[in-house]
Structure formats: structure tokens, C-alpha cells
Amino acid sequence: MEDDTPRADFIEEAMRVTENAERRGIILRVMGAVALRIKLPNNFRKFHEEVLGRKLSDIDYASYTRYTVQVRKLFQELGYVWDEVIARIAPFRDIFYDEVNSRHSDVFYDKLIFCHDIDFRGRLELDYPTITLADYALEKLQIVKISEKDIKDLITLFLVFPVGDSDKETVNKKYISKVLSKDWGFYYTVTTNLRKLTQLLERYKLSEEEINLIKLKIDYLIEAIENEPKSAGWKMRAAVGTKKKWYRDVEEVLR
């Protein structure tokens, strides 16, 4: 019998849910800011929360559509209320309410579909209990109207983790570059946000050394993205540029 009381602590609760999923053979990974907080060493958890003032609000997850029925059963047995209305209108997503702690959890199946699509298929097995750092970076960088909280998350990500060619506690520039080489709109949003991030660093409580380190990693990632050979479709869309809308409004998705 599972413990059906959601925990107040975000990390404890995310671990309770993913560990129960793992025992049942369900692939379920934490995403969003809670995923970053789980990944961070303790001293950087304090930096994220106290120095940058990043407060957590909800716990989101990624899974595959083949686990939909099992995920719904899991969350309800762990003390959550399933939103059946959302399930009927958004087949790629479930929302579960934690009424004990007045918060909710989204579960995205196969893809995150907002300003741009992030395809998780074949990626969730690469890390546990969270999505990979590359997928986390894309989750944040795909937001056209990027917010203060997303900026804080990206600052922490690039300060703490290396940019390289693997998914082992590394932001995988090879994978990100390949994804963006096929979709000009996604490429444009991500590279615009990366450049914007470097311009905003001075606003935060960062040392000159920290600012230079973050800029170095971002430049390294941008260089890899720019050097990746682009698809024919990418080149055709690039010729049109921003004269045509290149992203999806979040409001469209929610409707």
C-alpha cells in the first residue's frame, strides 16, 4: 500500500512520486525548476533559492503515452485528484491536483507542446529521476516571452553544469544543435534567448568570474548550434525569417 499523503517539500514529493513510478515500471521523470533543484549540489540549491530568490510553485513530469493509464492510477493512489476535463481536451497532457499543499502537477506525454515542441521520445531513459539537462535547457529556452523565473533557472544551469557532448550531468550541445538544425523557428527562439541571457547577467548577484563563466558556456553552445549543418527545410524557413510567425502562442495550446 502506497503512502497517499503528498509531501510539502517539493524535492521530497517529486522523489516520492518518481520512486513509486519506478517500482511500478513506469517511466516518469521530473521536469521544470524542481528537476533543476534536484540536480543541484546543496550549496547551489541555496544559491538558486536564496541568492536568486527562485521560489518553486508546482512539480511537473514527463512520461510516454503508453503509460497514461498507469500514471493516472499512480497519482490518484498517491493522493492526487485527476482533472478529467483537461484529459479530454489535451491528450498530450494530464493535470493532477495536490489539495493538501494547494498545488498541481502536469504530466506531459511524449512531447512538451508550447511555443515549440520538445520531443521526449527515446530521451527519458537517459536520466533519472529527472529529464536530461539538454531537455531541461530546451524546455526553458523554447519560451518566446521568457520570464524572470526562467532566466534565474538558466543562470543557475549554466553556472553549475558543463556544456559538452554527452547527457551525463552535462548540457548536451550536440543533441541541442541537431534538434535546432531541423527547425529554424525553434533555433531562432533558442539563440535569441541565449543572447538575451548574456545581456541580463549584470542584473543579478553574480561575481565577475561567474558572469564570465556563464558567458563562456553560452558562447560555446551557440557556436555548436551555428556550426551544425542545417536541413533544407531550415534554410527555406530561414529565408522567410521573422516576417512570418515562427512560434506558437501558449494561449493557443491552453485553448
Protein backbone atom coordinates (compact mmCIF):
# COMPACT_ATOMS: atom_id res chain seq x y z
CA MET A 1 0.00 0.00 0.00
CA GLU A 2 1.45 3.36 -1.08
CA ASP A 3 1.69 6.32 1.30
CA ASP A 4 -1.09 8.53 -0.08
CA THR A 5 -0.09 11.83 1.57
CA PRO A 6 1.70 14.34 -0.70
CA ARG A 7 4.73 15.92 0.98
CA ALA A 8 5.03 19.68 1.46
CA ASP A 9 8.71 19.68 0.42
CA PHE A 10 8.98 19.85 -3.38
CA ILE A 11 12.02 17.60 -3.73
CA GLU A 12 10.72 15.03 -1.25
CA GLU A 13 7.41 14.87 -3.09
CA ALA A 14 8.99 14.62 -6.54
CA MET A 15 11.18 11.76 -5.30
CA ARG A 16 8.21 10.01 -3.65
CA VAL A 17 6.27 10.11 -6.93
CA THR A 18 9.15 9.05 -9.21
CA GLU A 19 10.28 6.27 -6.86
CA ASN A 20 6.75 4.87 -6.75
CA ALA A 21 6.58 5.09 -10.55
CA GLU A 22 9.92 3.29 -10.86
CA ARG A 23 8.72 0.45 -8.62
CA ARG A 24 5.72 0.00 -10.91
CA GLY A 25 7.83 0.02 -14.07
CA ILE A 26 6.53 3.42 -15.20
CA ILE A 27 8.96 5.79 -16.92
CA LEU A 28 8.23 9.15 -15.24
CA ARG A 29 10.75 11.97 -14.98
CA VAL A 30 10.67 15.30 -13.14
CA MET A 31 10.95 18.42 -15.28
CA GLY A 32 10.78 22.18 -14.66
CA ALA A 33 12.55 24.04 -11.86
CA VAL A 34 12.14 21.14 -9.41
CA ALA A 35 14.23 18.97 -11.77
CA LEU A 36 17.00 21.56 -11.67
CA ARG A 37 16.79 21.81 -7.88
CA ILE A 38 17.13 18.01 -7.60
CA LYS A 39 20.23 18.06 -9.82
CA LEU A 40 21.98 20.87 -7.97
CA PRO A 41 24.59 20.29 -5.24
CA ASN A 42 23.36 21.61 -1.87
CA ASN A 43 25.33 24.87 -1.98
CA PHE A 44 23.85 25.72 -5.38
CA ARG A 45 20.34 24.85 -4.19
CA LYS A 46 20.82 27.70 -1.72
CA PHE A 47 22.12 29.94 -4.49
CA HIS A 48 19.07 29.17 -6.67
CA GLU A 49 16.59 29.71 -3.86
CA GLU A 50 18.18 32.38 -1.67
CA VAL A 51 20.64 34.38 -3.80
CA LEU A 52 18.47 34.43 -6.94
CA GLY A 53 15.22 34.24 -4.95
CA ARG A 54 13.76 31.45 -7.13
CA LYS A 55 10.65 30.07 -5.45
CA LEU A 56 9.11 26.76 -6.54
CA SER A 57 5.39 26.53 -7.24
CA ASP A 58 4.48 23.22 -8.91
CA ILE A 59 6.04 19.86 -9.80
CA ASP A 60 5.87 18.78 -13.45
CA TYR A 61 6.74 15.46 -15.07
CA ALA A 62 7.34 13.84 -18.45
CA SER A 63 6.27 10.33 -19.46
CA TYR A 64 5.23 8.33 -22.53
CA THR A 65 1.67 7.88 -23.80
CA ARG A 66 1.93 4.12 -23.30
CA TYR A 67 1.94 4.76 -19.52
CA THR A 68 -1.06 7.12 -19.47
CA VAL A 69 -3.47 4.77 -17.68
CA GLN A 70 -0.81 3.68 -15.17
CA VAL A 71 0.23 7.29 -14.48
CA ARG A 72 -3.36 8.32 -13.74
CA LYS A 73 -3.78 5.39 -11.36
CA LEU A 74 -0.44 6.14 -9.68
CA PHE A 75 -1.20 9.80 -8.97
CA GLN A 76 -4.68 9.07 -7.65
CA GLU A 77 -3.30 6.39 -5.32
CA LEU A 78 -0.65 8.86 -4.13
CA GLY A 79 -3.31 11.35 -3.02
CA TYR A 80 -3.89 13.50 -6.11
CA VAL A 81 -7.13 14.46 -7.88
CA TRP A 82 -7.11 13.89 -11.65
CA ASP A 83 -8.53 16.64 -13.90
CA GLU A 84 -10.67 14.63 -16.34
CA VAL A 85 -11.77 17.73 -18.29
CA ILE A 86 -8.19 18.61 -19.28
CA ALA A 87 -7.57 14.97 -20.21
CA ARG A 88 -10.45 15.07 -22.71
CA ILE A 89 -9.27 18.23 -24.47
CA ALA A 90 -5.47 17.81 -24.21
CA PRO A 91 -4.48 14.20 -24.99
CA PHE A 92 -0.77 15.01 -24.60
CA ARG A 93 -1.18 16.21 -21.01
CA ASP A 94 -2.68 15.36 -17.62
CA ILE A 95 -3.12 17.65 -14.61
CA PHE A 96 -3.28 16.29 -11.05
CA TYR A 97 -4.18 18.40 -8.02
CA ASP A 98 -2.44 18.09 -4.66
CA GLU A 99 -5.16 19.55 -2.45
CA VAL A 100 -3.10 19.00 0.72
CA ASN A 101 -0.43 21.51 -0.39
CA SER A 102 -2.58 23.62 -2.77
CA ARG A 103 -0.51 22.96 -5.88
CA HIS A 104 -0.76 20.88 -9.04
CA SER A 105 1.35 18.66 -11.25
CA ASP A 106 1.33 18.49 -15.04
CA VAL A 107 2.38 15.29 -16.75
CA PHE A 108 3.38 15.73 -20.41
CA TYR A 109 3.31 12.64 -22.61
CA ASP A 110 5.88 12.16 -25.41
CA LYS A 111 6.23 15.89 -26.11
CA LEU A 112 6.18 19.27 -24.44
CA ILE A 113 3.99 21.36 -26.75
CA PHE A 114 4.18 25.09 -26.08
CA CYS A 115 5.97 27.79 -28.14
CA HIS A 116 7.90 24.93 -29.79
CA ASP A 117 7.74 21.15 -29.50
CA ILE A 118 10.26 19.25 -27.38
CA ASP A 119 10.11 15.55 -28.23
CA PHE A 120 10.95 13.34 -25.22
CA ARG A 121 10.58 10.02 -27.06
CA GLY A 122 13.68 7.92 -26.50
CA ARG A 123 15.13 10.57 -24.16
CA LEU A 124 13.55 9.81 -20.78
CA GLU A 125 15.56 6.62 -20.31
CA LEU A 126 18.80 8.66 -20.39
CA ASP A 127 18.45 10.11 -16.89
CA TYR A 128 16.67 9.54 -13.55
CA PRO A 129 14.76 10.93 -11.68
CA THR A 130 14.76 13.99 -13.96
CA ILE A 131 14.80 14.74 -17.67
CA THR A 132 18.27 15.36 -19.11
CA LEU A 133 19.93 18.75 -18.73
CA ALA A 134 19.73 19.29 -22.51
CA ASP A 135 15.97 18.72 -22.49
CA TYR A 136 15.72 20.99 -19.45
CA ALA A 137 17.65 23.72 -21.27
CA LEU A 138 15.34 23.40 -24.29
CA GLU A 139 12.28 23.43 -22.01
CA LYS A 140 13.34 26.87 -20.76
CA LEU A 141 14.83 28.27 -23.97
CA GLN A 142 11.77 27.49 -26.12
CA ILE A 143 9.74 30.17 -24.29
CA VAL A 144 9.34 33.18 -26.59
CA LYS A 145 8.20 35.52 -23.80
CA ILE A 146 10.82 34.27 -21.38
CA SER A 147 10.15 35.23 -17.76
CA GLU A 148 12.28 36.26 -14.80
CA LYS A 149 12.00 32.83 -13.20
CA ASP A 150 13.17 31.11 -16.39
CA ILE A 151 16.16 33.46 -16.59
CA LYS A 152 17.09 32.55 -13.00
CA ASP A 153 16.85 28.85 -13.83
CA LEU A 154 19.08 29.23 -16.90
CA ILE A 155 21.65 31.30 -15.00
CA THR A 156 21.92 28.51 -12.42
CA LEU A 157 22.03 25.79 -15.08
CA PHE A 158 24.92 27.38 -16.98
CA LEU A 159 26.79 28.40 -13.83
CA VAL A 160 26.79 24.88 -12.37
CA PHE A 161 26.88 22.39 -15.24
CA PRO A 162 29.32 21.92 -18.11
CA VAL A 163 28.33 22.19 -21.78
CA GLY A 164 29.63 19.18 -23.71
CA ASP A 165 28.79 16.23 -25.94
CA SER A 166 27.04 13.85 -23.53
CA ASP A 167 23.95 13.70 -21.33
CA LYS A 168 25.86 12.74 -18.16
CA GLU A 169 25.37 15.74 -15.86
CA THR A 170 26.18 17.85 -18.92
CA VAL A 171 24.19 20.16 -21.21
CA ASN A 172 24.49 18.15 -24.42
CA LYS A 173 25.34 20.72 -27.12
CA LYS A 174 25.48 18.01 -29.79
CA TYR A 175 21.87 16.98 -29.16
CA ILE A 176 20.58 20.56 -28.88
CA SER A 177 22.37 21.53 -32.12
CA LYS A 178 20.85 18.60 -34.01
CA VAL A 179 17.32 19.42 -32.82
CA LEU A 180 17.65 23.09 -33.80
CA SER A 181 19.25 22.30 -37.18
CA LYS A 182 15.90 20.97 -38.42
CA ASP A 183 13.63 23.79 -37.19
CA TRP A 184 14.54 27.42 -37.91
CA GLY A 185 11.81 28.84 -35.65
CA PHE A 186 13.00 26.81 -32.67
CA TYR A 187 16.61 27.75 -33.49
CA TYR A 188 15.70 31.44 -33.64
CA THR A 189 13.90 31.42 -30.28
CA VAL A 190 16.68 29.50 -28.51
CA THR A 191 19.57 31.57 -29.87
CA THR A 192 17.69 34.82 -29.22
CA ASN A 193 17.10 33.76 -25.60
CA LEU A 194 20.73 32.68 -25.13
CA ARG A 195 21.98 36.06 -26.33
CA LYS A 196 19.41 37.85 -24.19
CA LEU A 197 20.57 35.86 -21.17
CA THR A 198 24.17 37.09 -21.57
CA GLN A 199 22.90 40.69 -21.62
CA LEU A 200 20.90 40.25 -18.38
CA LEU A 201 23.61 38.70 -16.20
CA GLU A 202 24.76 42.03 -14.73
CA ARG A 203 21.35 42.45 -13.03
CA TYR A 204 21.94 39.53 -10.67
CA LYS A 205 24.14 38.92 -7.64
CA LEU A 206 26.95 37.32 -9.61
CA SER A 207 30.69 37.85 -9.40
CA GLU A 208 32.65 38.86 -12.49
CA GLU A 209 34.14 35.37 -12.55
CA GLU A 210 30.66 33.77 -12.51
CA ILE A 211 29.40 36.08 -15.28
CA ASN A 212 32.41 35.25 -17.46
CA LEU A 213 31.97 31.52 -16.86
CA ILE A 214 28.28 31.61 -17.84
CA LYS A 215 29.05 33.69 -20.95
CA LEU A 216 31.81 31.28 -21.95
CA LYS A 217 29.45 28.27 -21.74
CA ILE A 218 26.68 30.08 -23.64
CA ASP A 219 29.12 31.13 -26.37
CA TYR A 220 30.33 27.52 -26.61
CA LEU A 221 26.74 26.31 -27.03
CA ILE A 222 25.86 29.00 -29.60
CA GLU A 223 28.99 28.16 -31.59
CA ALA A 224 27.95 24.47 -31.73
CA ILE A 225 24.39 25.42 -32.78
CA GLU A 226 25.65 27.74 -35.55
CA ASN A 227 28.20 25.20 -36.86
CA GLU A 228 25.71 22.31 -37.10
CA PRO A 229 24.74 21.65 -40.77
CA LYS A 230 21.14 22.79 -41.36
CA SER A 231 18.34 20.91 -43.14
CA ALA A 232 16.84 22.11 -46.43
CA GLY A 233 13.62 22.93 -44.57
CA TRP A 234 15.56 25.03 -42.05
CA LYS A 235 17.21 27.02 -44.85
CA MET A 236 13.90 27.64 -46.65
CA ARG A 237 12.27 28.86 -43.44
CA ALA A 238 15.30 30.99 -42.57
CA ALA A 239 14.87 32.86 -45.86
CA VAL A 240 11.39 33.97 -44.69
CA GLY A 241 12.66 34.90 -41.22
CA THR A 242 10.50 36.74 -38.70
CA LYS A 243 8.19 38.18 -41.37
CA LYS A 244 6.12 35.04 -40.71
CA LYS A 245 5.28 33.94 -37.15
CA TRP A 246 7.78 31.27 -36.10
CA TYR A 247 6.27 30.10 -32.80
CA ARG A 248 3.02 29.00 -31.20
CA ASP A 249 1.32 31.22 -28.61
CA VAL A 250 0.97 29.45 -25.25
CA GLU A 251 -2.65 30.67 -25.17
CA GLU A 252 -3.32 28.63 -28.32
CA VAL A 253 -2.06 25.50 -26.60
CA LEU A 254 -4.09 26.12 -23.45
CA ARG A 255 -7.25 26.66 -25.51
